[in-house]
Amino acid sequence: MHQNLLGGPPPTHLPDDPEPRELLAGGTPSADVAAKYPTSSLAWAQLADEAFERGSVVESYAYARTGYHRGLDALRRSGWKGHGPVPWEHEPNRGFLRALHALARAAGAIGEQEEHERCSQFLKDSSPVAAQTLG
């Protein structure tokens, strides 16, 4: 651990939940993973990405919002107080960050500009690396 010299909240590291990640990597359909692990932001983010890629933007928005809220719940259980770093470099955080990115993307695609801007800024504030990596 590095000392936080800026005085802000420490980074939040979600606990590892390898089963959904392993199932997705092994080719299990995202919907099956989300049904088996409904608290997995990663499964919902994957569903959001798949829906967006096939042009189902409203469906993508709904999946992303579910993953986002599941991630907020997990962050709060891990001591997050509503702000502070959520590092992309910590792999278990990536499901939440991907869901947040997917929510911003889908909101922009349906013209919900305020939500798009809010989620985009939240992603940058949480993890500049995630914002850059995810585009």
C-alpha atoms as a PDB file:
ATOM      1  CA  MET A   1       0.000   0.000   0.000  1.00  0.00           C
ATOM      2  CA  HIS A   2       1.154   3.518  -0.773  1.00  0.00           C
ATOM      3  CA  GLN A   3       0.574   6.408   1.603  1.00  0.00           C
ATOM      4  CA  ASN A   4      -1.970   8.918   0.325  1.00  0.00           C
ATOM      5  CA  LEU A   5      -0.147  12.247   0.446  1.00  0.00           C
ATOM      6  CA  LEU A   6      -3.049  14.262  -0.961  1.00  0.00           C
ATOM      7  CA  GLY A   7      -5.294  13.704   2.038  1.00  0.00           C
ATOM      8  CA  GLY A   8      -8.184  12.242   0.050  1.00  0.00           C
ATOM      9  CA  PRO A   9      -9.948   8.976   0.724  1.00  0.00           C
ATOM     10  CA  PRO A  10      -7.932   5.811   0.192  1.00  0.00           C
ATOM     11  CA  PRO A  11      -8.531   3.743  -2.954  1.00  0.00           C
ATOM     12  CA  THR A  12     -11.385   1.263  -2.741  1.00  0.00           C
ATOM     13  CA  HIS A  13     -10.553  -2.310  -3.695  1.00  0.00           C
ATOM     14  CA  LEU A  14     -13.533  -4.577  -4.161  1.00  0.00           C
ATOM     15  CA  PRO A  15     -13.164  -8.168  -2.992  1.00  0.00           C
ATOM     16  CA  ASP A  16     -12.318 -10.669  -5.667  1.00  0.00           C
ATOM     17  CA  ASP A  17     -15.170 -12.742  -7.082  1.00  0.00           C
ATOM     18  CA  PRO A  18     -13.401 -14.937  -9.638  1.00  0.00           C
ATOM     19  CA  GLU A  19     -16.261 -17.267 -10.599  1.00  0.00           C
ATOM     20  CA  PRO A  20     -18.175 -14.864 -12.892  1.00  0.00           C
ATOM     21  CA  ARG A  21     -14.924 -13.678 -14.488  1.00  0.00           C
ATOM     22  CA  GLU A  22     -13.810 -17.276 -15.121  1.00  0.00           C
ATOM     23  CA  LEU A  23     -17.184 -18.287 -16.558  1.00  0.00           C
ATOM     24  CA  LEU A  24     -17.215 -15.301 -18.923  1.00  0.00           C
ATOM     25  CA  ALA A  25     -13.613 -15.989 -19.985  1.00  0.00           C
ATOM     26  CA  GLY A  26     -14.573 -19.609 -20.602  1.00  0.00           C
ATOM     27  CA  GLY A  27     -17.374 -18.657 -22.975  1.00  0.00           C
ATOM     28  CA  THR A  28     -20.418 -19.060 -20.735  1.00  0.00           C
ATOM     29  CA  PRO A  29     -23.174 -16.772 -22.072  1.00  0.00           C
ATOM     30  CA  SER A  30     -23.319 -13.485 -20.194  1.00  0.00           C
ATOM     31  CA  ALA A  31     -27.019 -13.881 -19.417  1.00  0.00           C
ATOM     32  CA  ASP A  32     -26.309 -17.228 -17.754  1.00  0.00           C
ATOM     33  CA  VAL A  33     -23.530 -15.684 -15.669  1.00  0.00           C
ATOM     34  CA  ALA A  34     -25.740 -12.745 -14.631  1.00  0.00           C
ATOM     35  CA  ALA A  35     -28.527 -15.151 -13.670  1.00  0.00           C
ATOM     36  CA  LYS A  36     -26.156 -17.256 -11.553  1.00  0.00           C
ATOM     37  CA  TYR A  37     -24.301 -14.238 -10.096  1.00  0.00           C
ATOM     38  CA  PRO A  38     -26.788 -11.338 -10.131  1.00  0.00           C
ATOM     39  CA  THR A  39     -24.536  -9.185  -7.932  1.00  0.00           C
ATOM     40  CA  SER A  40     -21.691  -9.335 -10.471  1.00  0.00           C
ATOM     41  CA  SER A  41     -21.197  -5.937 -12.095  1.00  0.00           C
ATOM     42  CA  LEU A  42     -18.903  -7.633 -14.580  1.00  0.00           C
ATOM     43  CA  ALA A  43     -21.664  -9.887 -15.924  1.00  0.00           C
ATOM     44  CA  TRP A  44     -24.043  -6.917 -16.302  1.00  0.00           C
ATOM     45  CA  ALA A  45     -21.336  -4.818 -17.959  1.00  0.00           C
ATOM     46  CA  GLN A  46     -20.692  -7.625 -20.434  1.00  0.00           C
ATOM     47  CA  LEU A  47     -24.415  -7.843 -21.200  1.00  0.00           C
ATOM     48  CA  ALA A  48     -24.473  -4.055 -21.699  1.00  0.00           C
ATOM     49  CA  ASP A  49     -21.540  -4.220 -24.116  1.00  0.00           C
ATOM     50  CA  GLU A  50     -23.115  -7.051 -26.104  1.00  0.00           C
ATOM     51  CA  ALA A  51     -26.461  -5.248 -26.353  1.00  0.00           C
ATOM     52  CA  PHE A  52     -24.777  -2.007 -27.432  1.00  0.00           C
ATOM     53  CA  GLU A  53     -22.741  -3.805 -30.096  1.00  0.00           C
ATOM     54  CA  ARG A  54     -25.901  -5.237 -31.643  1.00  0.00           C
ATOM     55  CA  GLY A  55     -27.655  -1.847 -31.593  1.00  0.00           C
ATOM     56  CA  SER A  56     -29.960  -2.497 -28.625  1.00  0.00           C
ATOM     57  CA  VAL A  57     -29.106   0.765 -26.873  1.00  0.00           C
ATOM     58  CA  VAL A  58     -32.025   0.874 -24.436  1.00  0.00           C
ATOM     59  CA  GLU A  59     -31.327  -2.721 -23.406  1.00  0.00           C
ATOM     60  CA  SER A  60     -27.651  -1.798 -22.980  1.00  0.00           C
ATOM     61  CA  TYR A  61     -28.676   1.131 -20.779  1.00  0.00           C
ATOM     62  CA  ALA A  62     -30.761  -1.145 -18.552  1.00  0.00           C
ATOM     63  CA  TYR A  63     -28.005  -3.732 -18.185  1.00  0.00           C
ATOM     64  CA  ALA A  64     -25.417  -1.031 -17.493  1.00  0.00           C
ATOM     65  CA  ARG A  65     -27.622   0.626 -14.873  1.00  0.00           C
ATOM     66  CA  THR A  66     -28.065  -2.727 -13.116  1.00  0.00           C
ATOM     67  CA  GLY A  67     -24.302  -3.340 -13.095  1.00  0.00           C
ATOM     68  CA  TYR A  68     -23.676   0.207 -11.915  1.00  0.00           C
ATOM     69  CA  HIS A  69     -26.056  -0.127  -8.960  1.00  0.00           C
ATOM     70  CA  ARG A  70     -24.723  -3.573  -8.037  1.00  0.00           C
ATOM     71  CA  GLY A  71     -21.253  -2.030  -8.094  1.00  0.00           C
ATOM     72  CA  LEU A  72     -22.289   0.908  -5.906  1.00  0.00           C
ATOM     73  CA  ASP A  73     -23.655  -1.570  -3.369  1.00  0.00           C
ATOM     74  CA  ALA A  74     -20.372  -3.493  -3.390  1.00  0.00           C
ATOM     75  CA  LEU A  75     -18.307  -0.311  -3.107  1.00  0.00           C
ATOM     76  CA  ARG A  76     -20.300   0.842  -0.091  1.00  0.00           C
ATOM     77  CA  ARG A  77     -19.888  -2.558   1.565  1.00  0.00           C
ATOM     78  CA  SER A  78     -16.131  -2.118   1.008  1.00  0.00           C
ATOM     79  CA  GLY A  79     -16.055   1.216   2.838  1.00  0.00           C
ATOM     80  CA  TRP A  80     -16.413   3.634  -0.077  1.00  0.00           C
ATOM     81  CA  LYS A  81     -18.029   6.901   1.065  1.00  0.00           C
ATOM     82  CA  GLY A  82     -19.308   8.190  -2.269  1.00  0.00           C
ATOM     83  CA  HIS A  83     -16.046   9.491  -3.692  1.00  0.00           C
ATOM     84  CA  GLY A  84     -12.419   8.588  -4.062  1.00  0.00           C
ATOM     85  CA  PRO A  85     -10.330   6.333  -6.263  1.00  0.00           C
ATOM     86  CA  VAL A  86     -11.612   3.009  -7.571  1.00  0.00           C
ATOM     87  CA  PRO A  87      -8.462   1.798  -9.358  1.00  0.00           C
ATOM     88  CA  TRP A  88      -8.766   0.008 -12.703  1.00  0.00           C
ATOM     89  CA  GLU A  89      -5.504  -1.726 -11.857  1.00  0.00           C
ATOM     90  CA  HIS A  90      -7.364  -3.784  -9.209  1.00  0.00           C
ATOM     91  CA  GLU A  91      -9.116  -6.319 -11.442  1.00  0.00           C
ATOM     92  CA  PRO A  92     -12.208  -6.852  -9.215  1.00  0.00           C
ATOM     93  CA  ASN A  93     -13.025  -3.124  -9.673  1.00  0.00           C
ATOM     94  CA  ARG A  94     -13.270  -3.486 -13.437  1.00  0.00           C
ATOM     95  CA  GLY A  95     -16.847  -4.770 -13.527  1.00  0.00           C
ATOM     96  CA  PHE A  96     -18.139  -1.636 -11.799  1.00  0.00           C
ATOM     97  CA  LEU A  97     -15.958   0.646 -13.924  1.00  0.00           C
ATOM     98  CA  ARG A  98     -17.053  -1.095 -17.136  1.00  0.00           C
ATOM     99  CA  ALA A  99     -20.717  -0.782 -16.097  1.00  0.00           C
ATOM    100  CA  LEU A 100     -20.212   2.918 -15.356  1.00  0.00           C
ATOM    101  CA  HIS A 101     -18.603   3.417 -18.768  1.00  0.00           C
ATOM    102  CA  ALA A 102     -21.400   1.463 -20.464  1.00  0.00           C
ATOM    103  CA  LEU A 103     -24.021   3.573 -18.677  1.00  0.00           C
ATOM    104  CA  ALA A 104     -22.351   6.800 -19.834  1.00  0.00           C
ATOM    105  CA  ARG A 105     -22.115   5.474 -23.397  1.00  0.00           C
ATOM    106  CA  ALA A 106     -25.742   4.321 -23.557  1.00  0.00           C
ATOM    107  CA  ALA A 107     -27.008   7.519 -21.940  1.00  0.00           C
ATOM    108  CA  GLY A 108     -25.184   9.531 -24.593  1.00  0.00           C
ATOM    109  CA  ALA A 109     -26.595   7.340 -27.343  1.00  0.00           C
ATOM    110  CA  ILE A 110     -30.197   7.939 -26.240  1.00  0.00           C
ATOM    111  CA  GLY A 111     -29.651  11.672 -25.783  1.00  0.00           C
ATOM    112  CA  GLU A 112     -29.629  11.722 -21.996  1.00  0.00           C
ATOM    113  CA  GLN A 113     -26.805  14.256 -21.960  1.00  0.00           C
ATOM    114  CA  GLU A 114     -26.832  15.092 -18.254  1.00  0.00           C
ATOM    115  CA  GLU A 115     -26.522  11.411 -17.285  1.00  0.00           C
ATOM    116  CA  HIS A 116     -23.829  10.902 -19.931  1.00  0.00           C
ATOM    117  CA  GLU A 117     -21.776  13.796 -18.548  1.00  0.00           C
ATOM    118  CA  ARG A 118     -22.303  12.787 -14.916  1.00  0.00           C
ATOM    119  CA  CYS A 119     -21.258   9.171 -15.517  1.00  0.00           C
ATOM    120  CA  SER A 120     -18.323  10.169 -17.732  1.00  0.00           C
ATOM    121  CA  GLN A 121     -17.016  12.505 -15.032  1.00  0.00           C
ATOM    122  CA  PHE A 122     -17.630   9.899 -12.318  1.00  0.00           C
ATOM    123  CA  LEU A 123     -15.543   7.409 -14.334  1.00  0.00           C
ATOM    124  CA  LYS A 124     -12.691   9.923 -14.762  1.00  0.00           C
ATOM    125  CA  ASP A 125     -12.805  10.843 -11.078  1.00  0.00           C
ATOM    126  CA  SER A 126     -12.869   7.189  -9.987  1.00  0.00           C
ATOM    127  CA  SER A 127     -10.159   5.942 -12.318  1.00  0.00           C
ATOM    128  CA  PRO A 128      -8.431   8.040 -14.962  1.00  0.00           C
ATOM    129  CA  VAL A 129      -6.841   4.814 -16.218  1.00  0.00           C
ATOM    130  CA  ALA A 130     -10.280   3.221 -16.730  1.00  0.00           C
ATOM    131  CA  ALA A 131     -11.551   6.324 -18.520  1.00  0.00           C
ATOM    132  CA  GLN A 132      -8.572   6.212 -20.873  1.00  0.00           C
ATOM    133  CA  THR A 133      -8.644   2.424 -21.316  1.00  0.00           C
ATOM    134  CA  LEU A 134     -12.370   2.209 -21.999  1.00  0.00           C
ATOM    135  CA  GLY A 135     -12.432   5.304 -24.194  1.00  0.00           C
END
